[in-house]
Amino acid sequence: MNNHSSIVLIIGNSRLHWALFIDKTLYSTGDTFHLSASIIQQLAQYPTLDNWLTAICLPNNLPIIPDYPIPLILASVVPSQTALWQSYPHLRLITLEDVPLERMYPTLGIDRALAVWGAGKLLGFPTLVIDAGTALTFTGADNHQCFVGGAILPGLGLQFASLGQKTGQLPLLEADLMTTLPSRFAMNTSDAIQSGVIYTLLSGIKDFIEAWWRLFPESQIVMTGGDSNLLKTYLQQQFPDIGNRIIVDNKLIFQGIGNILIT
């Protein structure tokens, strides 16, 4: 019996996030760096996506995928990358019009909309999603499935990079950090940068969560993105009453798309 398969591609600021749906089930996910135009043109020559997708970013123990063309569902926050995929056959581009969330503003990032929709459908509305990626974003929806608003600031790695690249003497630190909080009052420059960035970021996250709970006391708080596990660990150490209530789910956007489109 043939399986109905769909491949989902989320183009983020730093990476490509892939998922394979089989018969409405999110079967597997993977990540790669952005691809060049020449590579995408080569991929577009394949009649189906399974041959190269399994080799590039998904496990090898996939079930047999039928040899008819598999649709590629695309959501992107990087216009230059979006343009590269326009020539790909069987492409479905997801926009805000596809997301059933009410009261969204026109320039809301599709990744934020899909993530908060996925969180709400998975865990219930109201919900607040904190996406700890290249940018750190807060996106909330109320119990009527209406967009409430949010905020955007530089993510953990971007804050480190900005100090290293835009100052004359401060070092460029990697965001590959220990899971134990650094000393707050540091005795060298590198540790001082870690202290300043991490403790300020955690205090900001705490403030936003507390403000959200004043509006929606029973709301779930869901964290996603590349730094989500690290930031949850830090929050559990610094603010355990908050950190222990945060749910980490790095498949929220896929869940949002699956709830809308995978039939």
C-alpha atoms as a PDB file:
ATOM      1  CA  MET A   1       0.000   0.000   0.000  1.00  0.00           C
ATOM      2  CA  ASN A   2       1.391   3.380  -0.973  1.00  0.00           C
ATOM      3  CA  ASN A   3       2.204   5.946   1.708  1.00  0.00           C
ATOM      4  CA  HIS A   4       1.261   9.565   1.309  1.00  0.00           C
ATOM      5  CA  SER A   5       4.470  11.508   1.923  1.00  0.00           C
ATOM      6  CA  SER A   6       5.316  15.181   2.222  1.00  0.00           C
ATOM      7  CA  ILE A   7       8.643  16.880   2.802  1.00  0.00           C
ATOM      8  CA  VAL A   8       8.668  20.149   4.738  1.00  0.00           C
ATOM      9  CA  LEU A   9      11.488  22.677   4.515  1.00  0.00           C
ATOM     10  CA  ILE A  10      11.775  25.566   6.972  1.00  0.00           C
ATOM     11  CA  ILE A  11      14.389  28.124   5.932  1.00  0.00           C
ATOM     12  CA  GLY A  12      15.714  29.846   9.035  1.00  0.00           C
ATOM     13  CA  ASN A  13      18.252  32.629   9.335  1.00  0.00           C
ATOM     14  CA  SER A  14      21.152  30.223   9.776  1.00  0.00           C
ATOM     15  CA  ARG A  15      20.035  26.742   8.742  1.00  0.00           C
ATOM     16  CA  LEU A  16      17.578  24.664   6.757  1.00  0.00           C
ATOM     17  CA  HIS A  17      15.217  22.534   8.837  1.00  0.00           C
ATOM     18  CA  TRP A  18      13.753  19.446   7.158  1.00  0.00           C
ATOM     19  CA  ALA A  19      10.942  17.099   8.060  1.00  0.00           C
ATOM     20  CA  LEU A  20       9.390  14.050   6.479  1.00  0.00           C
ATOM     21  CA  PHE A  21       5.688  13.376   7.016  1.00  0.00           C
ATOM     22  CA  ILE A  22       4.316   9.930   6.191  1.00  0.00           C
ATOM     23  CA  ASP A  23       0.563   9.378   6.457  1.00  0.00           C
ATOM     24  CA  LYS A  24       0.080  12.506   8.609  1.00  0.00           C
ATOM     25  CA  THR A  25       2.833  11.418  11.010  1.00  0.00           C
ATOM     26  CA  LEU A  26       5.981  13.489  11.530  1.00  0.00           C
ATOM     27  CA  TYR A  27       8.419  10.693  10.851  1.00  0.00           C
ATOM     28  CA  SER A  28      11.842  12.313  10.934  1.00  0.00           C
ATOM     29  CA  THR A  29      13.649  15.652  10.971  1.00  0.00           C
ATOM     30  CA  GLY A  30      17.093  17.006  10.154  1.00  0.00           C
ATOM     31  CA  ASP A  31      19.096  20.174   9.646  1.00  0.00           C
ATOM     32  CA  THR A  32      21.569  21.401   7.045  1.00  0.00           C
ATOM     33  CA  PHE A  33      23.251  24.682   6.219  1.00  0.00           C
ATOM     34  CA  HIS A  34      21.813  26.911   3.494  1.00  0.00           C
ATOM     35  CA  LEU A  35      22.333  25.450   0.023  1.00  0.00           C
ATOM     36  CA  SER A  36      23.778  27.275  -2.962  1.00  0.00           C
ATOM     37  CA  ALA A  37      21.841  27.967  -6.151  1.00  0.00           C
ATOM     38  CA  SER A  38      23.880  25.387  -8.079  1.00  0.00           C
ATOM     39  CA  ILE A  39      23.108  22.618  -5.596  1.00  0.00           C
ATOM     40  CA  ILE A  40      19.410  23.456  -5.610  1.00  0.00           C
ATOM     41  CA  GLN A  41      19.388  23.357  -9.417  1.00  0.00           C
ATOM     42  CA  GLN A  42      20.938  19.887  -9.289  1.00  0.00           C
ATOM     43  CA  LEU A  43      18.371  18.718  -6.750  1.00  0.00           C
ATOM     44  CA  ALA A  44      15.552  20.041  -8.902  1.00  0.00           C
ATOM     45  CA  GLN A  45      16.469  17.484 -11.564  1.00  0.00           C
ATOM     46  CA  TYR A  46      15.452  14.589  -9.309  1.00  0.00           C
ATOM     47  CA  PRO A  47      11.928  13.267  -9.904  1.00  0.00           C
ATOM     48  CA  THR A  48      11.537  12.722  -6.153  1.00  0.00           C
ATOM     49  CA  LEU A  49      13.257  14.045  -3.058  1.00  0.00           C
ATOM     50  CA  ASP A  50      13.856  10.843  -1.141  1.00  0.00           C
ATOM     51  CA  ASN A  51      17.178   9.844  -2.750  1.00  0.00           C
ATOM     52  CA  TRP A  52      19.119  12.926  -1.759  1.00  0.00           C
ATOM     53  CA  LEU A  53      17.152  13.854   1.364  1.00  0.00           C
ATOM     54  CA  THR A  54      17.918  10.560   3.069  1.00  0.00           C
ATOM     55  CA  ALA A  55      21.603  11.018   2.195  1.00  0.00           C
ATOM     56  CA  ILE A  56      21.820  14.655   3.288  1.00  0.00           C
ATOM     57  CA  CYS A  57      19.892  15.063   6.485  1.00  0.00           C
ATOM     58  CA  LEU A  58      17.584  12.241   7.495  1.00  0.00           C
ATOM     59  CA  PRO A  59      18.268   8.782   8.980  1.00  0.00           C
ATOM     60  CA  ASN A  60      18.798   5.837   6.690  1.00  0.00           C
ATOM     61  CA  ASN A  61      16.066   3.696   8.240  1.00  0.00           C
ATOM     62  CA  LEU A  62      13.246   5.386   6.351  1.00  0.00           C
ATOM     63  CA  PRO A  63      10.312   3.331   5.144  1.00  0.00           C
ATOM     64  CA  ILE A  64       9.903   2.774   1.435  1.00  0.00           C
ATOM     65  CA  ILE A  65       8.720   5.980  -0.203  1.00  0.00           C
ATOM     66  CA  PRO A  66       6.711   5.705  -3.430  1.00  0.00           C
ATOM     67  CA  ASP A  67       8.339   6.842  -6.628  1.00  0.00           C
ATOM     68  CA  TYR A  68       5.753   9.463  -7.543  1.00  0.00           C
ATOM     69  CA  PRO A  69       6.722  13.125  -7.006  1.00  0.00           C
ATOM     70  CA  ILE A  70       6.670  14.069  -3.334  1.00  0.00           C
ATOM     71  CA  PRO A  71       5.442  17.598  -2.582  1.00  0.00           C
ATOM     72  CA  LEU A  72       7.875  20.023  -0.994  1.00  0.00           C
ATOM     73  CA  ILE A  73       6.207  22.366   1.501  1.00  0.00           C
ATOM     74  CA  LEU A  74       8.309  25.482   2.103  1.00  0.00           C
ATOM     75  CA  ALA A  75       8.199  28.213   4.752  1.00  0.00           C
ATOM     76  CA  SER A  76      10.991  30.752   4.843  1.00  0.00           C
ATOM     77  CA  VAL A  77      12.203  33.877   6.634  1.00  0.00           C
ATOM     78  CA  VAL A  78      15.097  34.426   4.205  1.00  0.00           C
ATOM     79  CA  PRO A  79      13.872  35.946   0.899  1.00  0.00           C
ATOM     80  CA  SER A  80      17.123  35.245  -0.960  1.00  0.00           C
ATOM     81  CA  GLN A  81      16.897  31.555  -0.095  1.00  0.00           C
ATOM     82  CA  THR A  82      13.188  31.465  -0.899  1.00  0.00           C
ATOM     83  CA  ALA A  83      13.917  32.742  -4.389  1.00  0.00           C
ATOM     84  CA  LEU A  84      16.389  29.917  -5.024  1.00  0.00           C
ATOM     85  CA  TRP A  85      13.700  27.293  -4.438  1.00  0.00           C
ATOM     86  CA  GLN A  86      11.067  28.816  -6.703  1.00  0.00           C
ATOM     87  CA  SER A  87      12.136  26.647  -9.631  1.00  0.00           C
ATOM     88  CA  TYR A  88      11.714  23.450  -7.667  1.00  0.00           C
ATOM     89  CA  PRO A  89       8.846  21.279  -8.968  1.00  0.00           C
ATOM     90  CA  HIS A  90       5.907  20.360  -6.740  1.00  0.00           C
ATOM     91  CA  LEU A  91       6.599  23.315  -4.418  1.00  0.00           C
ATOM     92  CA  ARG A  92       3.980  24.675  -2.006  1.00  0.00           C
ATOM     93  CA  LEU A  93       4.997  27.983  -0.379  1.00  0.00           C
ATOM     94  CA  ILE A  94       3.410  28.644   3.008  1.00  0.00           C
ATOM     95  CA  THR A  95       2.424  32.231   3.877  1.00  0.00           C
ATOM     96  CA  LEU A  96       0.594  33.910   6.745  1.00  0.00           C
ATOM     97  CA  GLU A  97      -2.660  33.442   4.848  1.00  0.00           C
ATOM     98  CA  ASP A  98      -2.348  29.703   5.459  1.00  0.00           C
ATOM     99  CA  VAL A  99      -2.158  30.090   9.260  1.00  0.00           C
ATOM    100  CA  PRO A 100      -5.599  30.211  10.952  1.00  0.00           C
ATOM    101  CA  LEU A 101      -4.333  32.514  13.728  1.00  0.00           C
ATOM    102  CA  GLU A 102      -6.376  35.732  13.978  1.00  0.00           C
ATOM    103  CA  ARG A 103      -5.106  39.347  14.170  1.00  0.00           C
ATOM    104  CA  MET A 104      -1.617  38.759  12.764  1.00  0.00           C
ATOM    105  CA  TYR A 105       0.179  41.795  11.365  1.00  0.00           C
ATOM    106  CA  PRO A 106       1.384  41.571   7.737  1.00  0.00           C
ATOM    107  CA  THR A 107       5.130  41.392   8.450  1.00  0.00           C
ATOM    108  CA  LEU A 108       4.932  38.772  11.189  1.00  0.00           C
ATOM    109  CA  GLY A 109       7.528  36.080  10.523  1.00  0.00           C
ATOM    110  CA  ILE A 110       5.985  32.900   9.162  1.00  0.00           C
ATOM    111  CA  ASP A 111       8.193  30.863  11.518  1.00  0.00           C
ATOM    112  CA  ARG A 112       6.736  32.656  14.547  1.00  0.00           C
ATOM    113  CA  ALA A 113       3.174  32.224  13.317  1.00  0.00           C
ATOM    114  CA  LEU A 114       3.614  28.517  12.620  1.00  0.00           C
ATOM    115  CA  ALA A 115       5.390  27.887  15.920  1.00  0.00           C
ATOM    116  CA  VAL A 116       2.712  29.522  18.072  1.00  0.00           C
ATOM    117  CA  TRP A 117      -0.024  27.789  16.071  1.00  0.00           C
ATOM    118  CA  GLY A 118       1.727  24.451  16.492  1.00  0.00           C
ATOM    119  CA  ALA A 119       2.170  25.022  20.233  1.00  0.00           C
ATOM    120  CA  GLY A 120      -1.462  26.001  20.674  1.00  0.00           C
ATOM    121  CA  LYS A 121      -2.814  23.018  18.771  1.00  0.00           C
ATOM    122  CA  LEU A 122      -0.436  20.635  20.523  1.00  0.00           C
ATOM    123  CA  LEU A 123      -0.655  21.935  24.102  1.00  0.00           C
ATOM    124  CA  GLY A 124      -3.653  24.238  24.101  1.00  0.00           C
ATOM    125  CA  PHE A 125      -4.311  27.957  23.922  1.00  0.00           C
ATOM    126  CA  PRO A 126      -3.302  30.424  25.324  1.00  0.00           C
ATOM    127  CA  THR A 127       0.393  29.850  24.729  1.00  0.00           C
ATOM    128  CA  LEU A 128       3.652  31.773  24.631  1.00  0.00           C
ATOM    129  CA  VAL A 129       6.448  30.540  22.354  1.00  0.00           C
ATOM    130  CA  ILE A 130      10.046  31.579  22.940  1.00  0.00           C
ATOM    131  CA  ASP A 131      12.175  30.821  19.877  1.00  0.00           C
ATOM    132  CA  ALA A 132      15.834  30.745  20.905  1.00  0.00           C
ATOM    133  CA  GLY A 133      17.466  30.820  17.486  1.00  0.00           C
ATOM    134  CA  THR A 134      19.591  33.414  15.699  1.00  0.00           C
ATOM    135  CA  ALA A 135      17.055  35.911  17.013  1.00  0.00           C
ATOM    136  CA  LEU A 136      15.288  35.375  20.315  1.00  0.00           C
ATOM    137  CA  THR A 137      11.570  35.927  19.808  1.00  0.00           C
ATOM    138  CA  PHE A 138       8.487  35.907  21.996  1.00  0.00           C
ATOM    139  CA  THR A 139       5.169  35.121  20.315  1.00  0.00           C
ATOM    140  CA  GLY A 140       1.866  34.796  22.139  1.00  0.00           C
ATOM    141  CA  ALA A 141      -1.681  33.731  21.313  1.00  0.00           C
ATOM    142  CA  ASP A 142      -4.743  33.864  23.548  1.00  0.00           C
ATOM    143  CA  ASN A 143      -7.441  31.316  24.311  1.00  0.00           C
ATOM    144  CA  HIS A 144      -9.428  32.505  21.265  1.00  0.00           C
ATOM    145  CA  GLN A 145      -6.537  31.588  18.941  1.00  0.00           C
ATOM    146  CA  CYS A 146      -5.777  35.255  18.331  1.00  0.00           C
ATOM    147  CA  PHE A 147      -2.270  36.644  18.029  1.00  0.00           C
ATOM    148  CA  VAL A 148      -1.533  38.790  21.095  1.00  0.00           C
ATOM    149  CA  GLY A 149       1.903  40.118  20.114  1.00  0.00           C
ATOM    150  CA  GLY A 150       5.522  39.522  20.926  1.00  0.00           C
ATOM    151  CA  ALA A 151       9.072  40.819  20.833  1.00  0.00           C
ATOM    152  CA  ILE A 152      12.359  40.262  19.000  1.00  0.00           C
ATOM    153  CA  LEU A 153      15.940  40.644  20.235  1.00  0.00           C
ATOM    154  CA  PRO A 154      19.353  39.242  19.289  1.00  0.00           C
ATOM    155  CA  GLY A 155      19.834  35.619  20.258  1.00  0.00           C
ATOM    156  CA  LEU A 156      22.625  34.239  22.417  1.00  0.00           C
ATOM    157  CA  GLY A 157      25.119  33.639  19.611  1.00  0.00           C
ATOM    158  CA  LEU A 158      24.317  36.916  17.883  1.00  0.00           C
ATOM    159  CA  GLN A 159      24.981  38.880  21.067  1.00  0.00           C
ATOM    160  CA  PHE A 160      28.381  37.242  21.448  1.00  0.00           C
ATOM    161  CA  ALA A 161      29.160  37.856  17.773  1.00  0.00           C
ATOM    162  CA  SER A 162      28.190  41.519  17.898  1.00  0.00           C
ATOM    163  CA  LEU A 163      30.601  42.229  20.761  1.00  0.00           C
ATOM    164  CA  GLY A 164      33.425  40.364  19.044  1.00  0.00           C
ATOM    165  CA  GLN A 165      32.875  41.928  15.617  1.00  0.00           C
ATOM    166  CA  LYS A 166      31.872  45.492  16.508  1.00  0.00           C
ATOM    167  CA  THR A 167      34.446  46.308  19.198  1.00  0.00           C
ATOM    168  CA  GLY A 168      38.162  46.885  19.002  1.00  0.00           C
ATOM    169  CA  GLN A 169      39.477  44.663  21.778  1.00  0.00           C
ATOM    170  CA  LEU A 170      36.757  42.303  22.944  1.00  0.00           C
ATOM    171  CA  PRO A 171      37.204  38.668  21.847  1.00  0.00           C
ATOM    172  CA  LEU A 172      34.803  36.832  19.568  1.00  0.00           C
ATOM    173  CA  LEU A 173      33.286  34.074  21.680  1.00  0.00           C
ATOM    174  CA  GLU A 174      31.599  30.961  20.433  1.00  0.00           C
ATOM    175  CA  ALA A 175      28.156  30.206  21.834  1.00  0.00           C
ATOM    176  CA  ASP A 176      29.333  26.674  22.707  1.00  0.00           C
ATOM    177  CA  LEU A 177      28.839  27.155  26.432  1.00  0.00           C
ATOM    178  CA  MET A 178      28.950  25.018  29.535  1.00  0.00           C
ATOM    179  CA  THR A 179      25.598  23.994  30.970  1.00  0.00           C
ATOM    180  CA  THR A 180      26.563  25.480  34.347  1.00  0.00           C
ATOM    181  CA  LEU A 181      25.975  29.197  34.742  1.00  0.00           C
ATOM    182  CA  PRO A 182      29.157  31.306  34.640  1.00  0.00           C
ATOM    183  CA  SER A 183      30.295  33.380  37.589  1.00  0.00           C
ATOM    184  CA  ARG A 184      28.269  36.588  37.680  1.00  0.00           C
ATOM    185  CA  PHE A 185      31.229  38.778  38.679  1.00  0.00           C
ATOM    186  CA  ALA A 186      33.946  37.607  36.298  1.00  0.00           C
ATOM    187  CA  MET A 187      37.708  38.005  36.645  1.00  0.00           C
ATOM    188  CA  ASN A 188      38.611  38.015  32.922  1.00  0.00           C
ATOM    189  CA  THR A 189      37.196  39.510  29.732  1.00  0.00           C
ATOM    190  CA  SER A 190      35.790  36.346  28.176  1.00  0.00           C
ATOM    191  CA  ASP A 191      33.969  35.352  31.359  1.00  0.00           C
ATOM    192  CA  ALA A 192      32.725  38.928  31.768  1.00  0.00           C
ATOM    193  CA  ILE A 193      31.128  38.798  28.311  1.00  0.00           C
ATOM    194  CA  GLN A 194      29.468  35.477  29.129  1.00  0.00           C
ATOM    195  CA  SER A 195      28.186  36.844  32.417  1.00  0.00           C
ATOM    196  CA  GLY A 196      26.804  40.021  30.892  1.00  0.00           C
ATOM    197  CA  VAL A 197      25.067  38.348  27.980  1.00  0.00           C
ATOM    198  CA  ILE A 198      23.707  35.292  29.778  1.00  0.00           C
ATOM    199  CA  TYR A 199      22.415  36.884  32.982  1.00  0.00           C
ATOM    200  CA  THR A 200      20.851  39.827  31.147  1.00  0.00           C
ATOM    201  CA  LEU A 201      19.195  37.474  28.666  1.00  0.00           C
ATOM    202  CA  LEU A 202      17.822  35.247  31.414  1.00  0.00           C
ATOM    203  CA  SER A 203      16.444  38.226  33.313  1.00  0.00           C
ATOM    204  CA  GLY A 204      14.758  39.458  30.138  1.00  0.00           C
ATOM    205  CA  ILE A 205      13.178  36.058  29.485  1.00  0.00           C
ATOM    206  CA  LYS A 206      11.971  35.891  33.098  1.00  0.00           C
ATOM    207  CA  ASP A 207      10.422  39.362  32.817  1.00  0.00           C
ATOM    208  CA  PHE A 208       8.536  38.497  29.622  1.00  0.00           C
ATOM    209  CA  ILE A 209       7.252  35.213  31.040  1.00  0.00           C
ATOM    210  CA  GLU A 210       6.036  36.870  34.243  1.00  0.00           C
ATOM    211  CA  ALA A 211       4.303  39.605  32.230  1.00  0.00           C
ATOM    212  CA  TRP A 212       2.610  36.936  30.093  1.00  0.00           C
ATOM    213  CA  TRP A 213       1.456  34.975  33.136  1.00  0.00           C
ATOM    214  CA  ARG A 214      -0.129  38.121  34.552  1.00  0.00           C
ATOM    215  CA  LEU A 215      -2.273  38.176  31.408  1.00  0.00           C
ATOM    216  CA  PHE A 216      -2.767  34.413  31.089  1.00  0.00           C
ATOM    217  CA  PRO A 217      -1.927  32.687  34.407  1.00  0.00           C
ATOM    218  CA  GLU A 218      -2.594  29.161  33.124  1.00  0.00           C
ATOM    219  CA  SER A 219      -0.733  29.519  29.834  1.00  0.00           C
ATOM    220  CA  GLN A 220       1.908  27.076  28.712  1.00  0.00           C
ATOM    221  CA  ILE A 221       5.385  28.455  27.970  1.00  0.00           C
ATOM    222  CA  VAL A 222       7.107  26.616  25.134  1.00  0.00           C
ATOM    223  CA  MET A 223      10.711  27.137  24.085  1.00  0.00           C
ATOM    224  CA  THR A 224      12.101  26.074  20.715  1.00  0.00           C
ATOM    225  CA  GLY A 225      15.194  26.747  18.602  1.00  0.00           C
ATOM    226  CA  GLY A 226      18.874  25.861  18.704  1.00  0.00           C
ATOM    227  CA  ASP A 227      19.593  27.357  22.141  1.00  0.00           C
ATOM    228  CA  SER A 228      16.361  26.226  23.775  1.00  0.00           C
ATOM    229  CA  ASN A 229      17.764  23.352  25.835  1.00  0.00           C
ATOM    230  CA  LEU A 230      20.719  25.422  27.046  1.00  0.00           C
ATOM    231  CA  LEU A 231      18.551  28.388  28.045  1.00  0.00           C
ATOM    232  CA  LYS A 232      16.054  26.149  29.826  1.00  0.00           C
ATOM    233  CA  THR A 233      18.952  24.622  31.774  1.00  0.00           C
ATOM    234  CA  TYR A 234      20.192  28.082  32.730  1.00  0.00           C
ATOM    235  CA  LEU A 235      16.689  29.193  33.720  1.00  0.00           C
ATOM    236  CA  GLN A 236      16.267  26.117  35.894  1.00  0.00           C
ATOM    237  CA  GLN A 237      19.437  27.101  37.757  1.00  0.00           C
ATOM    238  CA  GLN A 238      18.717  30.824  38.004  1.00  0.00           C
ATOM    239  CA  PHE A 239      14.907  30.903  38.244  1.00  0.00           C
ATOM    240  CA  PRO A 240      13.800  27.307  38.991  1.00  0.00           C
ATOM    241  CA  ASP A 241      10.126  28.173  39.486  1.00  0.00           C
ATOM    242  CA  ILE A 242      10.046  29.418  35.898  1.00  0.00           C
ATOM    243  CA  GLY A 243      12.611  27.141  34.280  1.00  0.00           C
ATOM    244  CA  ASN A 244      10.938  23.962  35.506  1.00  0.00           C
ATOM    245  CA  ARG A 245       7.626  24.973  33.914  1.00  0.00           C
ATOM    246  CA  ILE A 246       9.067  25.615  30.451  1.00  0.00           C
ATOM    247  CA  ILE A 247       8.416  22.969  27.808  1.00  0.00           C
ATOM    248  CA  VAL A 248      11.083  22.486  25.143  1.00  0.00           C
ATOM    249  CA  ASP A 249       9.856  21.343  21.727  1.00  0.00           C
ATOM    250  CA  ASN A 250      12.043  21.830  18.662  1.00  0.00           C
ATOM    251  CA  LYS A 251       9.394  20.534  16.265  1.00  0.00           C
ATOM    252  CA  LEU A 252       6.787  23.224  16.852  1.00  0.00           C
ATOM    253  CA  ILE A 253       6.935  24.726  13.364  1.00  0.00           C
ATOM    254  CA  PHE A 254       6.591  21.291  11.781  1.00  0.00           C
ATOM    255  CA  GLN A 255       3.651  20.587  14.074  1.00  0.00           C
ATOM    256  CA  GLY A 256       2.082  23.843  12.940  1.00  0.00           C
ATOM    257  CA  ILE A 257       2.461  22.979   9.276  1.00  0.00           C
ATOM    258  CA  GLY A 258       1.306  19.426   9.850  1.00  0.00           C
ATOM    259  CA  ASN A 259      -1.843  20.622  11.554  1.00  0.00           C
ATOM    260  CA  ILE A 260      -2.644  22.978   8.684  1.00  0.00           C
ATOM    261  CA  LEU A 261      -1.608  21.149   5.541  1.00  0.00           C
ATOM    262  CA  ILE A 262      -0.754  17.487   6.007  1.00  0.00           C
ATOM    263  CA  THR A 263      -3.936  15.607   5.195  1.00  0.00           C
END
